[in-house]
Amino acid sequence: MKVEFDDNGARVKISGEFTFTDHVAFKAIASRLFEGQGWPIVIDLTKLEFIDSAGLGMLLIVRDEADKAQRSLILRGPHGQVKRMFAVTKFDTLFTVEA
């Protein structure tokens, strides 16, 4: 998994593969996403090629934290295998997903 933050820290681009082995790194990413106040949190998945069930679980944790912080969370641009996983698991009903 490769990660790129934008200037305000509430937007992150994730590329490559998002799997169980990324859970420690993703905790740090999630913490950084919540440092700012008021901005919607955007996780850009346009360059993500693969996600496993652990990656899906980590996104659920971020969603729960966003709800607690009363912040909106947007998942942007899932495609390919990631989009199929979202469809199979009904993630598109649990998140705001932008094409």
PDB file of N, CA and C in Angstrom:
ATOM      1  N   MET A   1       0.840  -1.164   0.000  1.00  0.00           N
ATOM      2  CA  MET A   1       0.000   0.000   0.000  1.00  0.00           C
ATOM      3  C   MET A   1       0.891   1.235   0.000  1.00  0.00           C
ATOM      4  N   LYS A   2       0.573   2.152  -0.897  1.00  0.00           N
ATOM      5  CA  LYS A   2       1.239   3.454  -0.922  1.00  0.00           C
ATOM      6  C   LYS A   2       0.195   4.502  -0.566  1.00  0.00           C
ATOM      7  N   VAL A   3       0.650   5.547   0.134  1.00  0.00           N
ATOM      8  CA  VAL A   3      -0.267   6.567   0.638  1.00  0.00           C
ATOM      9  C   VAL A   3       0.258   7.944   0.296  1.00  0.00           C
ATOM     10  N   GLU A   4      -0.669   8.820  -0.075  1.00  0.00           N
ATOM     11  CA  GLU A   4      -0.335  10.201  -0.407  1.00  0.00           C
ATOM     12  C   GLU A   4      -1.399  11.103   0.213  1.00  0.00           C
ATOM     13  N   PHE A   5      -0.996  12.016   1.119  1.00  0.00           N
ATOM     14  CA  PHE A   5      -1.935  12.963   1.720  1.00  0.00           C
ATOM     15  C   PHE A   5      -1.944  14.258   0.934  1.00  0.00           C
ATOM     16  N   ASP A   6      -3.072  14.960   0.963  1.00  0.00           N
ATOM     17  CA  ASP A   6      -3.105  16.295   0.375  1.00  0.00           C
ATOM     18  C   ASP A   6      -2.724  17.312   1.449  1.00  0.00           C
ATOM     19  N   ASP A   7      -2.819  18.584   1.118  1.00  0.00           N
ATOM     20  CA  ASP A   7      -2.358  19.648   2.008  1.00  0.00           C
ATOM     21  C   ASP A   7      -3.098  19.726   3.332  1.00  0.00           C
ATOM     22  N   ASN A   8      -4.416  19.533   3.339  1.00  0.00           N
ATOM     23  CA  ASN A   8      -5.150  19.711   4.590  1.00  0.00           C
ATOM     24  C   ASN A   8      -5.175  18.445   5.447  1.00  0.00           C
ATOM     25  N   GLY A   9      -4.661  17.339   4.948  1.00  0.00           N
ATOM     26  CA  GLY A   9      -4.551  16.112   5.729  1.00  0.00           C
ATOM     27  C   GLY A   9      -5.825  15.307   5.842  1.00  0.00           C
ATOM     28  N   ALA A  10      -6.949  15.811   5.350  1.00  0.00           N
ATOM     29  CA  ALA A  10      -8.215  15.091   5.454  1.00  0.00           C
ATOM     30  C   ALA A  10      -8.509  14.281   4.200  1.00  0.00           C
ATOM     31  N   ARG A  11      -7.593  14.321   3.245  1.00  0.00           N
ATOM     32  CA  ARG A  11      -7.750  13.537   2.023  1.00  0.00           C
ATOM     33  C   ARG A  11      -6.499  12.703   1.818  1.00  0.00           C
ATOM     34  N   VAL A  12      -6.730  11.453   1.481  1.00  0.00           N
ATOM     35  CA  VAL A  12      -5.613  10.545   1.277  1.00  0.00           C
ATOM     36  C   VAL A  12      -5.889   9.703   0.042  1.00  0.00           C
ATOM     37  N   LYS A  13      -4.828   9.462  -0.727  1.00  0.00           N
ATOM     38  CA  LYS A  13      -4.900   8.561  -1.883  1.00  0.00           C
ATOM     39  C   LYS A  13      -4.176   7.283  -1.501  1.00  0.00           C
ATOM     40  N   ILE A  14      -4.862   6.166  -1.695  1.00  0.00           N
ATOM     41  CA  ILE A  14      -4.266   4.865  -1.397  1.00  0.00           C
ATOM     42  C   ILE A  14      -4.112   4.118  -2.715  1.00  0.00           C
ATOM     43  N   SER A  15      -2.921   3.590  -2.950  1.00  0.00           N
ATOM     44  CA  SER A  15      -2.690   2.837  -4.179  1.00  0.00           C
ATOM     45  C   SER A  15      -2.058   1.488  -3.855  1.00  0.00           C
ATOM     46  N   GLY A  16      -2.080   0.612  -4.847  1.00  0.00           N
ATOM     47  CA  GLY A  16      -1.500  -0.719  -4.667  1.00  0.00           C
ATOM     48  C   GLY A  16      -2.507  -1.684  -4.078  1.00  0.00           C
ATOM     49  N   GLU A  17      -2.098  -2.394  -3.029  1.00  0.00           N
ATOM     50  CA  GLU A  17      -2.946  -3.380  -2.362  1.00  0.00           C
ATOM     51  C   GLU A  17      -3.152  -2.987  -0.919  1.00  0.00           C
ATOM     52  N   PHE A  18      -4.377  -3.127  -0.427  1.00  0.00           N
ATOM     53  CA  PHE A  18      -4.743  -2.780   0.937  1.00  0.00           C
ATOM     54  C   PHE A  18      -5.178  -4.068   1.627  1.00  0.00           C
ATOM     55  N   THR A  19      -4.273  -4.623   2.464  1.00  0.00           N
ATOM     56  CA  THR A  19      -4.494  -5.934   3.059  1.00  0.00           C
ATOM     57  C   THR A  19      -4.198  -5.914   4.553  1.00  0.00           C
ATOM     58  N   PHE A  20      -4.355  -7.060   5.171  1.00  0.00           N
ATOM     59  CA  PHE A  20      -4.102  -7.214   6.603  1.00  0.00           C
ATOM     60  C   PHE A  20      -2.724  -6.700   6.995  1.00  0.00           C
ATOM     61  N   THR A  21      -1.747  -6.883   6.154  1.00  0.00           N
ATOM     62  CA  THR A  21      -0.381  -6.462   6.491  1.00  0.00           C
ATOM     63  C   THR A  21      -0.258  -4.943   6.628  1.00  0.00           C
ATOM     64  N   ASP A  22      -1.263  -4.203   6.206  1.00  0.00           N
ATOM     65  CA  ASP A  22      -1.231  -2.740   6.280  1.00  0.00           C
ATOM     66  C   ASP A  22      -1.922  -2.183   7.523  1.00  0.00           C
ATOM     67  N   HIS A  23      -2.380  -3.056   8.443  1.00  0.00           N
ATOM     68  CA  HIS A  23      -3.186  -2.554   9.554  1.00  0.00           C
ATOM     69  C   HIS A  23      -2.445  -1.589  10.469  1.00  0.00           C
ATOM     70  N   VAL A  24      -1.174  -1.801  10.738  1.00  0.00           N
ATOM     71  CA  VAL A  24      -0.426  -0.882  11.603  1.00  0.00           C
ATOM     72  C   VAL A  24      -0.252   0.469  10.911  1.00  0.00           C
ATOM     73  N   ALA A  25       0.147   0.443   9.657  1.00  0.00           N
ATOM     74  CA  ALA A  25       0.312   1.691   8.908  1.00  0.00           C
ATOM     75  C   ALA A  25      -1.013   2.424   8.764  1.00  0.00           C
ATOM     76  N   PHE A  26      -2.107   1.678   8.571  1.00  0.00           N
ATOM     77  CA  PHE A  26      -3.390   2.335   8.376  1.00  0.00           C
ATOM     78  C   PHE A  26      -3.888   3.002   9.652  1.00  0.00           C
ATOM     79  N   LYS A  27      -3.535   2.480  10.822  1.00  0.00           N
ATOM     80  CA  LYS A  27      -3.902   3.143  12.081  1.00  0.00           C
ATOM     81  C   LYS A  27      -3.307   4.548  12.123  1.00  0.00           C
ATOM     82  N   ALA A  28      -2.059   4.671  11.713  1.00  0.00           N
ATOM     83  CA  ALA A  28      -1.407   5.988  11.682  1.00  0.00           C
ATOM     84  C   ALA A  28      -2.072   6.898  10.657  1.00  0.00           C
ATOM     85  N   ILE A  29      -2.449   6.335   9.526  1.00  0.00           N
ATOM     86  CA  ILE A  29      -3.130   7.111   8.483  1.00  0.00           C
ATOM     87  C   ILE A  29      -4.469   7.627   9.020  1.00  0.00           C
ATOM     88  N   ALA A  30      -5.217   6.744   9.664  1.00  0.00           N
ATOM     89  CA  ALA A  30      -6.518   7.132  10.206  1.00  0.00           C
ATOM     90  C   ALA A  30      -6.369   8.233  11.249  1.00  0.00           C
ATOM     91  N   SER A  31      -5.375   8.128  12.100  1.00  0.00           N
ATOM     92  CA  SER A  31      -5.144   9.177  13.103  1.00  0.00           C
ATOM     93  C   SER A  31      -4.889  10.518  12.440  1.00  0.00           C
ATOM     94  N   ARG A  32      -4.092  10.508  11.411  1.00  0.00           N
ATOM     95  CA  ARG A  32      -3.785  11.766  10.706  1.00  0.00           C
ATOM     96  C   ARG A  32      -5.032  12.350  10.035  1.00  0.00           C
ATOM     97  N   LEU A  33      -5.898  11.501   9.520  1.00  0.00           N
ATOM     98  CA  LEU A  33      -7.117  11.982   8.874  1.00  0.00           C
ATOM     99  C   LEU A  33      -8.009  12.763   9.843  1.00  0.00           C
ATOM    100  N   PHE A  34      -7.953  12.411  11.116  1.00  0.00           N
ATOM    101  CA  PHE A  34      -8.820  13.047  12.107  1.00  0.00           C
ATOM    102  C   PHE A  34      -8.160  14.209  12.840  1.00  0.00           C
ATOM    103  N   GLU A  35      -6.937  14.564  12.482  1.00  0.00           N
ATOM    104  CA  GLU A  35      -6.261  15.691  13.132  1.00  0.00           C
ATOM    105  C   GLU A  35      -6.949  17.017  12.826  1.00  0.00           C
ATOM    106  N   GLY A  36      -7.357  17.205  11.586  1.00  0.00           N
ATOM    107  CA  GLY A  36      -8.025  18.446  11.197  1.00  0.00           C
ATOM    108  C   GLY A  36      -9.463  18.455  11.676  1.00  0.00           C
ATOM    109  N   GLN A  37     -10.048  19.616  11.727  1.00  0.00           N
ATOM    110  CA  GLN A  37     -11.431  19.760  12.175  1.00  0.00           C
ATOM    111  C   GLN A  37     -12.323  20.192  11.027  1.00  0.00           C
ATOM    112  N   GLY A  38     -13.489  19.605  10.956  1.00  0.00           N
ATOM    113  CA  GLY A  38     -14.522  20.072  10.051  1.00  0.00           C
ATOM    114  C   GLY A  38     -14.459  19.616   8.614  1.00  0.00           C
ATOM    115  N   TRP A  39     -13.300  19.297   8.096  1.00  0.00           N
ATOM    116  CA  TRP A  39     -13.187  18.886   6.702  1.00  0.00           C
ATOM    117  C   TRP A  39     -13.821  17.517   6.514  1.00  0.00           C
ATOM    118  N   PRO A  40     -14.484  17.308   5.386  1.00  0.00           N
ATOM    119  CA  PRO A  40     -14.900  15.933   5.073  1.00  0.00           C
ATOM    120  C   PRO A  40     -13.653  15.073   4.861  1.00  0.00           C
ATOM    121  N   ILE A  41     -13.721  13.834   5.266  1.00  0.00           N
ATOM    122  CA  ILE A  41     -12.614  12.907   5.075  1.00  0.00           C
ATOM    123  C   ILE A  41     -12.838  12.191   3.751  1.00  0.00           C
ATOM    124  N   VAL A  42     -11.835  12.241   2.893  1.00  0.00           N
ATOM    125  CA  VAL A  42     -11.933  11.604   1.577  1.00  0.00           C
ATOM    126  C   VAL A  42     -10.802  10.588   1.446  1.00  0.00           C
ATOM    127  N   ILE A  43     -11.189   9.360   1.151  1.00  0.00           N
ATOM    128  CA  ILE A  43     -10.205   8.315   0.866  1.00  0.00           C
ATOM    129  C   ILE A  43     -10.332   7.992  -0.613  1.00  0.00           C
ATOM    130  N   ASP A  44      -9.313   8.377  -1.360  1.00  0.00           N
ATOM    131  CA  ASP A  44      -9.304   8.203  -2.816  1.00  0.00           C
ATOM    132  C   ASP A  44      -8.767   6.815  -3.141  1.00  0.00           C
ATOM    133  N   LEU A  45      -9.601   6.020  -3.776  1.00  0.00           N
ATOM    134  CA  LEU A  45      -9.261   4.634  -4.096  1.00  0.00           C
ATOM    135  C   LEU A  45      -9.041   4.417  -5.588  1.00  0.00           C
ATOM    136  N   THR A  46      -8.908   5.487  -6.343  1.00  0.00           N
ATOM    137  CA  THR A  46      -8.808   5.360  -7.797  1.00  0.00           C
ATOM    138  C   THR A  46      -7.594   4.548  -8.241  1.00  0.00           C
ATOM    139  N   LYS A  47      -6.558   4.506  -7.437  1.00  0.00           N
ATOM    140  CA  LYS A  47      -5.356   3.750  -7.807  1.00  0.00           C
ATOM    141  C   LYS A  47      -5.180   2.480  -6.982  1.00  0.00           C
ATOM    142  N   LEU A  48      -6.205   2.150  -6.186  1.00  0.00           N
ATOM    143  CA  LEU A  48      -6.154   0.922  -5.401  1.00  0.00           C
ATOM    144  C   LEU A  48      -6.534  -0.248  -6.293  1.00  0.00           C
ATOM    145  N   GLU A  49      -5.664  -1.254  -6.347  1.00  0.00           N
ATOM    146  CA  GLU A  49      -5.869  -2.394  -7.228  1.00  0.00           C
ATOM    147  C   GLU A  49      -6.503  -3.596  -6.544  1.00  0.00           C
ATOM    148  N   PHE A  50      -6.322  -3.702  -5.213  1.00  0.00           N
ATOM    149  CA  PHE A  50      -6.792  -4.882  -4.499  1.00  0.00           C
ATOM    150  C   PHE A  50      -7.100  -4.519  -3.056  1.00  0.00           C
ATOM    151  N   ILE A  51      -8.188  -5.091  -2.522  1.00  0.00           N
ATOM    152  CA  ILE A  51      -8.507  -4.950  -1.100  1.00  0.00           C
ATOM    153  C   ILE A  51      -8.995  -6.302  -0.601  1.00  0.00           C
ATOM    154  N   ASP A  52      -8.574  -6.687   0.609  1.00  0.00           N
ATOM    155  CA  ASP A  52      -9.067  -7.930   1.192  1.00  0.00           C
ATOM    156  C   ASP A  52     -10.050  -7.608   2.309  1.00  0.00           C
ATOM    157  N   SER A  53     -10.535  -8.621   2.997  1.00  0.00           N
ATOM    158  CA  SER A  53     -11.544  -8.408   4.034  1.00  0.00           C
ATOM    159  C   SER A  53     -11.000  -7.566   5.189  1.00  0.00           C
ATOM    160  N   ALA A  54      -9.722  -7.683   5.488  1.00  0.00           N
ATOM    161  CA  ALA A  54      -9.131  -6.865   6.544  1.00  0.00           C
ATOM    162  C   ALA A  54      -9.115  -5.394   6.132  1.00  0.00           C
ATOM    163  N   GLY A  55      -8.814  -5.119   4.871  1.00  0.00           N
ATOM    164  CA  GLY A  55      -8.859  -3.746   4.374  1.00  0.00           C
ATOM    165  C   GLY A  55     -10.265  -3.180   4.468  1.00  0.00           C
ATOM    166  N   LEU A  56     -11.263  -3.997   4.125  1.00  0.00           N
ATOM    167  CA  LEU A  56     -12.654  -3.563   4.263  1.00  0.00           C
ATOM    168  C   LEU A  56     -12.973  -3.259   5.724  1.00  0.00           C
ATOM    169  N   GLY A  57     -12.500  -4.108   6.607  1.00  0.00           N
ATOM    170  CA  GLY A  57     -12.723  -3.891   8.041  1.00  0.00           C
ATOM    171  C   GLY A  57     -12.107  -2.594   8.532  1.00  0.00           C
ATOM    172  N   MET A  58     -10.924  -2.266   8.030  1.00  0.00           N
ATOM    173  CA  MET A  58     -10.275  -1.016   8.431  1.00  0.00           C
ATOM    174  C   MET A  58     -11.070   0.192   7.953  1.00  0.00           C
ATOM    175  N   LEU A  59     -11.666   0.089   6.779  1.00  0.00           N
ATOM    176  CA  LEU A  59     -12.519   1.178   6.304  1.00  0.00           C
ATOM    177  C   LEU A  59     -13.750   1.332   7.200  1.00  0.00           C
ATOM    178  N   LEU A  60     -14.283   0.220   7.697  1.00  0.00           N
ATOM    179  CA  LEU A  60     -15.413   0.290   8.621  1.00  0.00           C
ATOM    180  C   LEU A  60     -15.024   0.992   9.918  1.00  0.00           C
ATOM    181  N   ILE A  61     -13.818   0.740  10.397  1.00  0.00           N
ATOM    182  CA  ILE A  61     -13.344   1.406  11.614  1.00  0.00           C
ATOM    183  C   ILE A  61     -13.264   2.905  11.397  1.00  0.00           C
ATOM    184  N   VAL A  62     -12.744   3.325  10.245  1.00  0.00           N
ATOM    185  CA  VAL A  62     -12.672   4.765   9.938  1.00  0.00           C
ATOM    186  C   VAL A  62     -14.078   5.352   9.853  1.00  0.00           C
ATOM    187  N   ARG A  63     -15.008   4.608   9.269  1.00  0.00           N
ATOM    188  CA  ARG A  63     -16.394   5.087   9.190  1.00  0.00           C
ATOM    189  C   ARG A  63     -16.972   5.314  10.585  1.00  0.00           C
ATOM    190  N   ASP A  64     -16.735   4.364  11.498  1.00  0.00           N
ATOM    191  CA  ASP A  64     -17.241   4.502  12.863  1.00  0.00           C
ATOM    192  C   ASP A  64     -16.613   5.705  13.560  1.00  0.00           C
ATOM    193  N   GLU A  65     -15.320   5.914  13.359  1.00  0.00           N
ATOM    194  CA  GLU A  65     -14.642   7.072  13.962  1.00  0.00           C
ATOM    195  C   GLU A  65     -15.160   8.381  13.373  1.00  0.00           C
ATOM    196  N   ALA A  66     -15.437   8.384  12.083  1.00  0.00           N
ATOM    197  CA  ALA A  66     -15.993   9.579  11.445  1.00  0.00           C
ATOM    198  C   ALA A  66     -17.370   9.895  12.028  1.00  0.00           C
ATOM    199  N   ASP A  67     -18.179   8.860  12.239  1.00  0.00           N
ATOM    200  CA  ASP A  67     -19.494   9.074  12.850  1.00  0.00           C
ATOM    201  C   ASP A  67     -19.358   9.677  14.246  1.00  0.00           C
ATOM    202  N   LYS A  68     -18.437   9.146  15.044  1.00  0.00           N
ATOM    203  CA  LYS A  68     -18.215   9.668  16.401  1.00  0.00           C
ATOM    204  C   LYS A  68     -17.775  11.128  16.368  1.00  0.00           C
ATOM    205  N   ALA A  69     -16.947  11.456  15.380  1.00  0.00           N
ATOM    206  CA  ALA A  69     -16.419  12.819  15.262  1.00  0.00           C
ATOM    207  C   ALA A  69     -17.373  13.737  14.490  1.00  0.00           C
ATOM    208  N   GLN A  70     -18.509  13.196  14.077  1.00  0.00           N
ATOM    209  CA  GLN A  70     -19.495  13.938  13.289  1.00  0.00           C
ATOM    210  C   GLN A  70     -18.873  14.550  12.034  1.00  0.00           C
ATOM    211  N   ARG A  71     -18.097  13.709  11.353  1.00  0.00           N
ATOM    212  CA  ARG A  71     -17.452  14.112  10.102  1.00  0.00           C
ATOM    213  C   ARG A  71     -17.949  13.205   8.988  1.00  0.00           C
ATOM    214  N   SER A  72     -18.078  13.767   7.806  1.00  0.00           N
ATOM    215  CA  SER A  72     -18.490  12.939   6.671  1.00  0.00           C
ATOM    216  C   SER A  72     -17.272  12.201   6.121  1.00  0.00           C
ATOM    217  N   LEU A  73     -17.521  11.025   5.574  1.00  0.00           N
ATOM    218  CA  LEU A  73     -16.479  10.181   4.993  1.00  0.00           C
ATOM    219  C   LEU A  73     -16.903   9.807   3.588  1.00  0.00           C
ATOM    220  N   ILE A  74     -16.017  10.022   2.645  1.00  0.00           N
ATOM    221  CA  ILE A  74     -16.286   9.720   1.245  1.00  0.00           C
ATOM    222  C   ILE A  74     -15.208   8.768   0.733  1.00  0.00           C
ATOM    223  N   LEU A  75     -15.627   7.701   0.091  1.00  0.00           N
ATOM    224  CA  LEU A  75     -14.707   6.804  -0.605  1.00  0.00           C
ATOM    225  C   LEU A  75     -14.829   7.129  -2.084  1.00  0.00           C
ATOM    226  N   ARG A  76     -13.717   7.478  -2.697  1.00  0.00           N
ATOM    227  CA  ARG A  76     -13.748   7.970  -4.073  1.00  0.00           C
ATOM    228  C   ARG A  76     -13.099   6.985  -5.043  1.00  0.00           C
ATOM    229  N   GLY A  77     -13.820   6.697  -6.120  1.00  0.00           N
ATOM    230  CA  GLY A  77     -13.263   6.037  -7.286  1.00  0.00           C
ATOM    231  C   GLY A  77     -12.888   4.579  -7.202  1.00  0.00           C
ATOM    232  N   PRO A  78     -13.601   3.739  -6.414  1.00  0.00           N
ATOM    233  CA  PRO A  78     -13.222   2.325  -6.459  1.00  0.00           C
ATOM    234  C   PRO A  78     -13.515   1.741  -7.845  1.00  0.00           C
ATOM    235  N   HIS A  79     -12.661   0.854  -8.289  1.00  0.00           N
ATOM    236  CA  HIS A  79     -12.838   0.219  -9.597  1.00  0.00           C
ATOM    237  C   HIS A  79     -12.286  -1.195  -9.546  1.00  0.00           C
ATOM    238  N   GLY A  80     -12.537  -1.952 -10.585  1.00  0.00           N
ATOM    239  CA  GLY A  80     -11.993  -3.306 -10.687  1.00  0.00           C
ATOM    240  C   GLY A  80     -12.377  -4.181  -9.503  1.00  0.00           C
ATOM    241  N   GLN A  81     -11.397  -4.879  -8.955  1.00  0.00           N
ATOM    242  CA  GLN A  81     -11.616  -5.809  -7.850  1.00  0.00           C
ATOM    243  C   GLN A  81     -12.178  -5.087  -6.635  1.00  0.00           C
ATOM    244  N   VAL A  82     -11.737  -3.868  -6.376  1.00  0.00           N
ATOM    245  CA  VAL A  82     -12.209  -3.105  -5.217  1.00  0.00           C
ATOM    246  C   VAL A  82     -13.702  -2.814  -5.372  1.00  0.00           C
ATOM    247  N   LYS A  83     -14.109  -2.392  -6.535  1.00  0.00           N
ATOM    248  CA  LYS A  83     -15.518  -2.110  -6.793  1.00  0.00           C
ATOM    249  C   LYS A  83     -16.353  -3.386  -6.661  1.00  0.00           C
ATOM    250  N   ARG A  84     -15.825  -4.507  -7.142  1.00  0.00           N
ATOM    251  CA  ARG A  84     -16.543  -5.780  -7.019  1.00  0.00           C
ATOM    252  C   ARG A  84     -16.697  -6.185  -5.552  1.00  0.00           C
ATOM    253  N   MET A  85     -15.636  -5.990  -4.763  1.00  0.00           N
ATOM    254  CA  MET A  85     -15.711  -6.293  -3.327  1.00  0.00           C
ATOM    255  C   MET A  85     -16.754  -5.410  -2.647  1.00  0.00           C
ATOM    256  N   PHE A  86     -16.808  -4.141  -3.034  1.00  0.00           N
ATOM    257  CA  PHE A  86     -17.811  -3.239  -2.472  1.00  0.00           C
ATOM    258  C   PHE A  86     -19.217  -3.727  -2.811  1.00  0.00           C
ATOM    259  N   ALA A  87     -19.421  -4.187  -4.039  1.00  0.00           N
ATOM    260  CA  ALA A  87     -20.739  -4.661  -4.460  1.00  0.00           C
ATOM    261  C   ALA A  87     -21.135  -5.926  -3.694  1.00  0.00           C
ATOM    262  N   VAL A  88     -20.201  -6.872  -3.584  1.00  0.00           N
ATOM    263  CA  VAL A  88     -20.477  -8.144  -2.915  1.00  0.00           C
ATOM    264  C   VAL A  88     -20.782  -7.925  -1.429  1.00  0.00           C
ATOM    265  N   THR A  89     -20.066  -7.014  -0.800  1.00  0.00           N
ATOM    266  CA  THR A  89     -20.222  -6.784   0.636  1.00  0.00           C
ATOM    267  C   THR A  89     -21.225  -5.684   0.955  1.00  0.00           C
ATOM    268  N   LYS A  90     -21.809  -5.078  -0.068  1.00  0.00           N
ATOM    269  CA  LYS A  90     -22.794  -3.988   0.077  1.00  0.00           C
ATOM    270  C   LYS A  90     -22.183  -2.738   0.714  1.00  0.00           C
ATOM    271  N   PHE A  91     -20.869  -2.556   0.542  1.00  0.00           N
ATOM    272  CA  PHE A  91     -20.210  -1.357   1.072  1.00  0.00           C
ATOM    273  C   PHE A  91     -20.779  -0.094   0.448  1.00  0.00           C
ATOM    274  N   ASP A  92     -21.277  -0.215  -0.782  1.00  0.00           N
ATOM    275  CA  ASP A  92     -21.838   0.959  -1.424  1.00  0.00           C
ATOM    276  C   ASP A  92     -23.099   1.445  -0.713  1.00  0.00           C
ATOM    277  N   THR A  93     -23.668   0.622   0.177  1.00  0.00           N
ATOM    278  CA  THR A  93     -24.800   1.067   0.982  1.00  0.00           C
ATOM    279  C   THR A  93     -24.369   1.571   2.356  1.00  0.00           C
ATOM    280  N   LEU A  94     -23.155   1.253   2.755  1.00  0.00           N
ATOM    281  CA  LEU A  94     -22.649   1.658   4.072  1.00  0.00           C
ATOM    282  C   LEU A  94     -21.843   2.948   4.037  1.00  0.00           C
ATOM    283  N   PHE A  95     -21.400   3.339   2.860  1.00  0.00           N
ATOM    284  CA  PHE A  95     -20.532   4.501   2.682  1.00  0.00           C
ATOM    285  C   PHE A  95     -21.084   5.413   1.601  1.00  0.00           C
ATOM    286  N   THR A  96     -20.611   6.649   1.620  1.00  0.00           N
ATOM    287  CA  THR A  96     -20.812   7.527   0.477  1.00  0.00           C
ATOM    288  C   THR A  96     -19.684   7.187  -0.479  1.00  0.00           C
ATOM    289  N   VAL A  97     -20.047   6.652  -1.647  1.00  0.00           N
ATOM    290  CA  VAL A  97     -19.051   6.251  -2.638  1.00  0.00           C
ATOM    291  C   VAL A  97     -19.244   7.121  -3.880  1.00  0.00           C
ATOM    292  N   GLU A  98     -18.167   7.810  -4.261  1.00  0.00           N
ATOM    293  CA  GLU A  98     -18.194   8.621  -5.475  1.00  0.00           C
ATOM    294  C   GLU A  98     -17.460   7.889  -6.593  1.00  0.00           C
ATOM    295  N   ALA A  99     -17.985   7.997  -7.801  1.00  0.00           N
ATOM    296  CA  ALA A  99     -17.366   7.339  -8.956  1.00  0.00           C
ATOM    297  C   ALA A  99     -16.053   8.001  -9.322  1.00  0.00           C
TER     298      ALA A  99
END
